[in-house]
Every structure is written in C-alpha cells, then in structure tokens.
Amino acid sequence: MEDSERHAGKSYSASQIANSQVLQGDNSTISVARLSSDDNVELRTLFTKLDSEIANTALTAAEREDATKQASDLKAAITRQDAPDVSRMHSIVSWFKAHIPTLVGAVLSVVVNPIVGQLVSAGGDLLVQEFNGYFAKEQPK
C-alpha cells in the first residue's frame, strides 16, 4: 500500500511493508518499526527488569539516582520515534562500565536483545553498521 501527498511544493510518500512504515521526502528516509504486541510487552519487560536490577543492587543514593536516569535515557534512545539513537546507547553502556560495572550485564541484556535489533534494523543499513561497530563483541554468538 502506498500513499503520496504534496505539501508546500514538496512531495512525500509513505509505504507500509512488513510491519514497517517508511516516509520519504526531500532526499531523506525515516523508518519507524512497528513491533508486534508481544514484542512491545517484551520490550517493556526488559526495561522493568533493568529498573529492578538497579533497585536491587547495592548502590549509594546518588549512584541509584544516576543509574535510574541512565536507564531512562536508554529507554528513550531505544524507543525514539524515527530510529534508535545508537550513539547514545553506546554512551550509556560506557557510562555504566565506568561508574557501575556490576550493572553492565543488565544494561547489555537490553541493548543486544533481538527486539532492539529489530528496531535498529528498521533504521537501515547505516544504523545497523553503527550498532555493530559499537556492540558486535557484546552480542551473543
């Protein structure tokens, strides 16, 4: 299915292919992955588990506050409307490595999850290359 519109002299088209929506206009492409209901539930569960890990890890109040903020930023980076912010995801993992290494495994279990991979893949080849550049060694074999 494809719809085209013309606004202010600019042409846009939207296509829906295999549960993904792609908008093209003025030499730019924005992809928005639509996850299934089950995948959305699983993604929320991943974030809840990370929050629980933070809550149950022995941390100072300041560390817990900072870790909670980083976890919130990770959720925002992964679930951005246009595509995940892979650079921000990498920065957050690096922050945990430097400040609270005991939580790195919990953070990486979110980042390298196949559902996050679906969102990254929907962002296109360049985003996948960026993701692999940052996280290839972290992904399960």
C-alpha atoms as a PDB file:
ATOM      1  CA  MET A   1       0.000   0.000   0.000  1.00  0.00           C
ATOM      2  CA  GLU A   2       1.412   3.410  -0.881  1.00  0.00           C
ATOM      3  CA  ASP A   3       0.064   6.927  -0.418  1.00  0.00           C
ATOM      4  CA  SER A   4       1.607  10.114  -1.809  1.00  0.00           C
ATOM      5  CA  GLU A   5       0.958  13.723  -0.829  1.00  0.00           C
ATOM      6  CA  ARG A   6       2.264  17.098  -1.882  1.00  0.00           C
ATOM      7  CA  HIS A   7       2.719  19.796   0.800  1.00  0.00           C
ATOM      8  CA  ALA A   8       4.149  23.263   0.172  1.00  0.00           C
ATOM      9  CA  GLY A   9       5.670  22.134  -3.098  1.00  0.00           C
ATOM     10  CA  LYS A  10       7.380  19.098  -1.519  1.00  0.00           C
ATOM     11  CA  SER A  11       6.493  15.535  -2.361  1.00  0.00           C
ATOM     12  CA  TYR A  12       6.233  12.799   0.273  1.00  0.00           C
ATOM     13  CA  SER A  13       5.315   9.147   0.060  1.00  0.00           C
ATOM     14  CA  ALA A  14       4.549   6.640   2.783  1.00  0.00           C
ATOM     15  CA  SER A  15       4.677   2.890   2.337  1.00  0.00           C
ATOM     16  CA  GLN A  16       3.866   0.097   4.726  1.00  0.00           C
ATOM     17  CA  ILE A  17       5.899  -3.047   4.192  1.00  0.00           C
ATOM     18  CA  ALA A  18       6.109  -5.971   6.622  1.00  0.00           C
ATOM     19  CA  ASN A  19       5.052  -4.029   9.713  1.00  0.00           C
ATOM     20  CA  SER A  20       7.366  -1.102   8.994  1.00  0.00           C
ATOM     21  CA  GLN A  21       6.461   2.383   7.918  1.00  0.00           C
ATOM     22  CA  VAL A  22       8.807   4.368   5.678  1.00  0.00           C
ATOM     23  CA  LEU A  23       8.412   8.058   4.894  1.00  0.00           C
ATOM     24  CA  GLN A  24      10.446   9.527   2.056  1.00  0.00           C
ATOM     25  CA  GLY A  25      10.750  13.171   1.141  1.00  0.00           C
ATOM     26  CA  ASP A  26      13.390  15.670   0.089  1.00  0.00           C
ATOM     27  CA  ASN A  27      16.147  13.030  -0.148  1.00  0.00           C
ATOM     28  CA  SER A  28      15.640  11.716   3.393  1.00  0.00           C
ATOM     29  CA  THR A  29      14.129   8.487   4.640  1.00  0.00           C
ATOM     30  CA  ILE A  30      12.673   7.925   8.092  1.00  0.00           C
ATOM     31  CA  SER A  31      11.783   4.383   9.157  1.00  0.00           C
ATOM     32  CA  VAL A  32       9.547   3.591  12.086  1.00  0.00           C
ATOM     33  CA  ALA A  33       9.395  -0.030  13.124  1.00  0.00           C
ATOM     34  CA  ARG A  34       6.090  -1.247  14.436  1.00  0.00           C
ATOM     35  CA  LEU A  35       6.604  -4.026  16.890  1.00  0.00           C
ATOM     36  CA  SER A  36       4.013  -6.687  17.497  1.00  0.00           C
ATOM     37  CA  SER A  37       2.024  -6.506  20.725  1.00  0.00           C
ATOM     38  CA  ASP A  38       4.065  -9.385  22.140  1.00  0.00           C
ATOM     39  CA  ASP A  39       7.348  -7.660  21.256  1.00  0.00           C
ATOM     40  CA  ASN A  40       6.158  -4.404  22.833  1.00  0.00           C
ATOM     41  CA  VAL A  41       5.311  -6.288  26.025  1.00  0.00           C
ATOM     42  CA  GLU A  42       8.707  -7.993  25.997  1.00  0.00           C
ATOM     43  CA  LEU A  43      10.482  -4.669  25.449  1.00  0.00           C
ATOM     44  CA  ARG A  44       8.645  -3.121  28.405  1.00  0.00           C
ATOM     45  CA  THR A  45       9.578  -6.206  30.448  1.00  0.00           C
ATOM     46  CA  LEU A  46      13.253  -5.693  29.572  1.00  0.00           C
ATOM     47  CA  PHE A  47      13.102  -2.117  30.858  1.00  0.00           C
ATOM     48  CA  THR A  48      11.258  -3.237  34.006  1.00  0.00           C
ATOM     49  CA  LYS A  49      13.909  -5.896  34.676  1.00  0.00           C
ATOM     50  CA  LEU A  50      16.668  -3.305  34.260  1.00  0.00           C
ATOM     51  CA  ASP A  51      14.882  -0.970  36.692  1.00  0.00           C
ATOM     52  CA  SER A  52      14.554  -3.875  39.131  1.00  0.00           C
ATOM     53  CA  GLU A  53      18.267  -4.702  38.819  1.00  0.00           C
ATOM     54  CA  ILE A  54      19.100  -1.082  39.625  1.00  0.00           C
ATOM     55  CA  ALA A  55      16.715  -1.086  42.596  1.00  0.00           C
ATOM     56  CA  ASN A  56      18.147  -4.347  43.968  1.00  0.00           C
ATOM     57  CA  THR A  57      21.842  -3.546  43.515  1.00  0.00           C
ATOM     58  CA  ALA A  58      23.770  -2.182  46.488  1.00  0.00           C
ATOM     59  CA  LEU A  59      24.289   1.447  45.455  1.00  0.00           C
ATOM     60  CA  THR A  60      24.534   4.791  47.145  1.00  0.00           C
ATOM     61  CA  ALA A  61      21.515   7.051  46.743  1.00  0.00           C
ATOM     62  CA  ALA A  62      23.448   9.188  44.257  1.00  0.00           C
ATOM     63  CA  GLU A  63      24.530   6.131  42.229  1.00  0.00           C
ATOM     64  CA  ARG A  64      20.953   4.804  42.183  1.00  0.00           C
ATOM     65  CA  GLU A  65      19.639   8.179  41.016  1.00  0.00           C
ATOM     66  CA  ASP A  66      22.289   8.392  38.280  1.00  0.00           C
ATOM     67  CA  ALA A  67      21.729   4.777  37.189  1.00  0.00           C
ATOM     68  CA  THR A  68      17.967   5.320  37.060  1.00  0.00           C
ATOM     69  CA  LYS A  69      18.476   8.416  34.897  1.00  0.00           C
ATOM     70  CA  GLN A  70      20.798   6.492  32.569  1.00  0.00           C
ATOM     71  CA  ALA A  71      18.245   3.655  32.314  1.00  0.00           C
ATOM     72  CA  SER A  72      15.537   6.179  31.454  1.00  0.00           C
ATOM     73  CA  ASP A  73      17.803   7.724  28.823  1.00  0.00           C
ATOM     74  CA  LEU A  74      18.463   4.233  27.413  1.00  0.00           C
ATOM     75  CA  LYS A  75      14.731   3.621  27.054  1.00  0.00           C
ATOM     76  CA  ALA A  76      14.362   6.970  25.266  1.00  0.00           C
ATOM     77  CA  ALA A  77      17.334   6.210  22.984  1.00  0.00           C
ATOM     78  CA  ILE A  78      15.951   2.790  22.015  1.00  0.00           C
ATOM     79  CA  THR A  79      12.344   3.862  21.514  1.00  0.00           C
ATOM     80  CA  ARG A  80      12.886   7.115  19.599  1.00  0.00           C
ATOM     81  CA  GLN A  81      10.185   7.673  17.004  1.00  0.00           C
ATOM     82  CA  ASP A  82      12.446   7.785  13.942  1.00  0.00           C
ATOM     83  CA  ALA A  83      15.105   5.215  14.893  1.00  0.00           C
ATOM     84  CA  PRO A  84      17.122   4.184  17.931  1.00  0.00           C
ATOM     85  CA  ASP A  85      19.934   6.553  18.916  1.00  0.00           C
ATOM     86  CA  VAL A  86      22.752   4.017  18.749  1.00  0.00           C
ATOM     87  CA  SER A  87      25.438   6.541  19.687  1.00  0.00           C
ATOM     88  CA  ARG A  88      23.513   7.446  22.854  1.00  0.00           C
ATOM     89  CA  MET A  89      23.016   3.747  23.628  1.00  0.00           C
ATOM     90  CA  HIS A  90      26.785   3.280  23.389  1.00  0.00           C
ATOM     91  CA  SER A  91      27.408   6.281  25.645  1.00  0.00           C
ATOM     92  CA  ILE A  92      25.063   4.850  28.264  1.00  0.00           C
ATOM     93  CA  VAL A  93      26.762   1.435  28.199  1.00  0.00           C
ATOM     94  CA  SER A  94      30.119   3.219  28.529  1.00  0.00           C
ATOM     95  CA  TRP A  95      28.768   5.207  31.483  1.00  0.00           C
ATOM     96  CA  PHE A  96      27.760   2.002  33.271  1.00  0.00           C
ATOM     97  CA  LYS A  97      31.151   0.431  32.518  1.00  0.00           C
ATOM     98  CA  ALA A  98      32.907   3.430  34.060  1.00  0.00           C
ATOM     99  CA  HIS A  99      30.598   4.088  37.024  1.00  0.00           C
ATOM    100  CA  ILE A 100      28.647   0.945  37.956  1.00  0.00           C
ATOM    101  CA  PRO A 101      30.226  -2.049  36.224  1.00  0.00           C
ATOM    102  CA  THR A 102      28.101  -4.508  38.215  1.00  0.00           C
ATOM    103  CA  LEU A 103      25.100  -3.394  36.120  1.00  0.00           C
ATOM    104  CA  VAL A 104      26.763  -3.627  32.684  1.00  0.00           C
ATOM    105  CA  GLY A 105      25.396  -7.123  32.062  1.00  0.00           C
ATOM    106  CA  ALA A 106      21.841  -5.996  32.815  1.00  0.00           C
ATOM    107  CA  VAL A 107      22.214  -2.986  30.512  1.00  0.00           C
ATOM    108  CA  LEU A 108      23.712  -5.069  27.698  1.00  0.00           C
ATOM    109  CA  SER A 109      20.917  -7.634  28.032  1.00  0.00           C
ATOM    110  CA  VAL A 110      18.586  -4.843  26.921  1.00  0.00           C
ATOM    111  CA  VAL A 111      20.829  -3.356  24.232  1.00  0.00           C
ATOM    112  CA  VAL A 112      21.653  -6.601  22.406  1.00  0.00           C
ATOM    113  CA  ASN A 113      18.166  -8.096  22.720  1.00  0.00           C
ATOM    114  CA  PRO A 114      16.693  -9.260  19.376  1.00  0.00           C
ATOM    115  CA  ILE A 115      13.753  -6.866  19.750  1.00  0.00           C
ATOM    116  CA  VAL A 116      16.134  -3.917  19.929  1.00  0.00           C
ATOM    117  CA  GLY A 117      17.829  -5.471  16.904  1.00  0.00           C
ATOM    118  CA  GLN A 118      14.519  -5.269  15.027  1.00  0.00           C
ATOM    119  CA  LEU A 119      14.264  -1.563  15.817  1.00  0.00           C
ATOM    120  CA  VAL A 120      17.857  -0.957  14.735  1.00  0.00           C
ATOM    121  CA  SER A 121      17.375  -2.972  11.529  1.00  0.00           C
ATOM    122  CA  ALA A 122      14.301  -0.932  10.661  1.00  0.00           C
ATOM    123  CA  GLY A 123      16.551   2.145  10.792  1.00  0.00           C
ATOM    124  CA  GLY A 124      18.501   0.951   7.763  1.00  0.00           C
ATOM    125  CA  ASP A 125      21.918  -0.385   6.864  1.00  0.00           C
ATOM    126  CA  LEU A 126      23.918   2.583   8.179  1.00  0.00           C
ATOM    127  CA  LEU A 127      22.295   2.312  11.593  1.00  0.00           C
ATOM    128  CA  VAL A 128      22.971  -1.441  11.665  1.00  0.00           C
ATOM    129  CA  GLN A 129      26.627  -0.776  10.777  1.00  0.00           C
ATOM    130  CA  GLU A 130      26.883   1.814  13.549  1.00  0.00           C
ATOM    131  CA  PHE A 131      25.276  -0.597  16.031  1.00  0.00           C
ATOM    132  CA  ASN A 132      27.602  -3.432  15.017  1.00  0.00           C
ATOM    133  CA  GLY A 133      30.606  -1.122  15.305  1.00  0.00           C
ATOM    134  CA  TYR A 134      29.715  -0.402  18.914  1.00  0.00           C
ATOM    135  CA  PHE A 135      28.232  -3.700  20.063  1.00  0.00           C
ATOM    136  CA  ALA A 136      29.406  -6.571  17.810  1.00  0.00           C
ATOM    137  CA  LYS A 137      31.681  -8.004  20.502  1.00  0.00           C
ATOM    138  CA  GLU A 138      28.855  -7.752  23.073  1.00  0.00           C
ATOM    139  CA  GLN A 139      26.325  -9.780  21.063  1.00  0.00           C
ATOM    140  CA  PRO A 140      25.767 -13.457  21.870  1.00  0.00           C
ATOM    141  CA  LYS A 141      27.384 -15.847  19.434  1.00  0.00           C
END
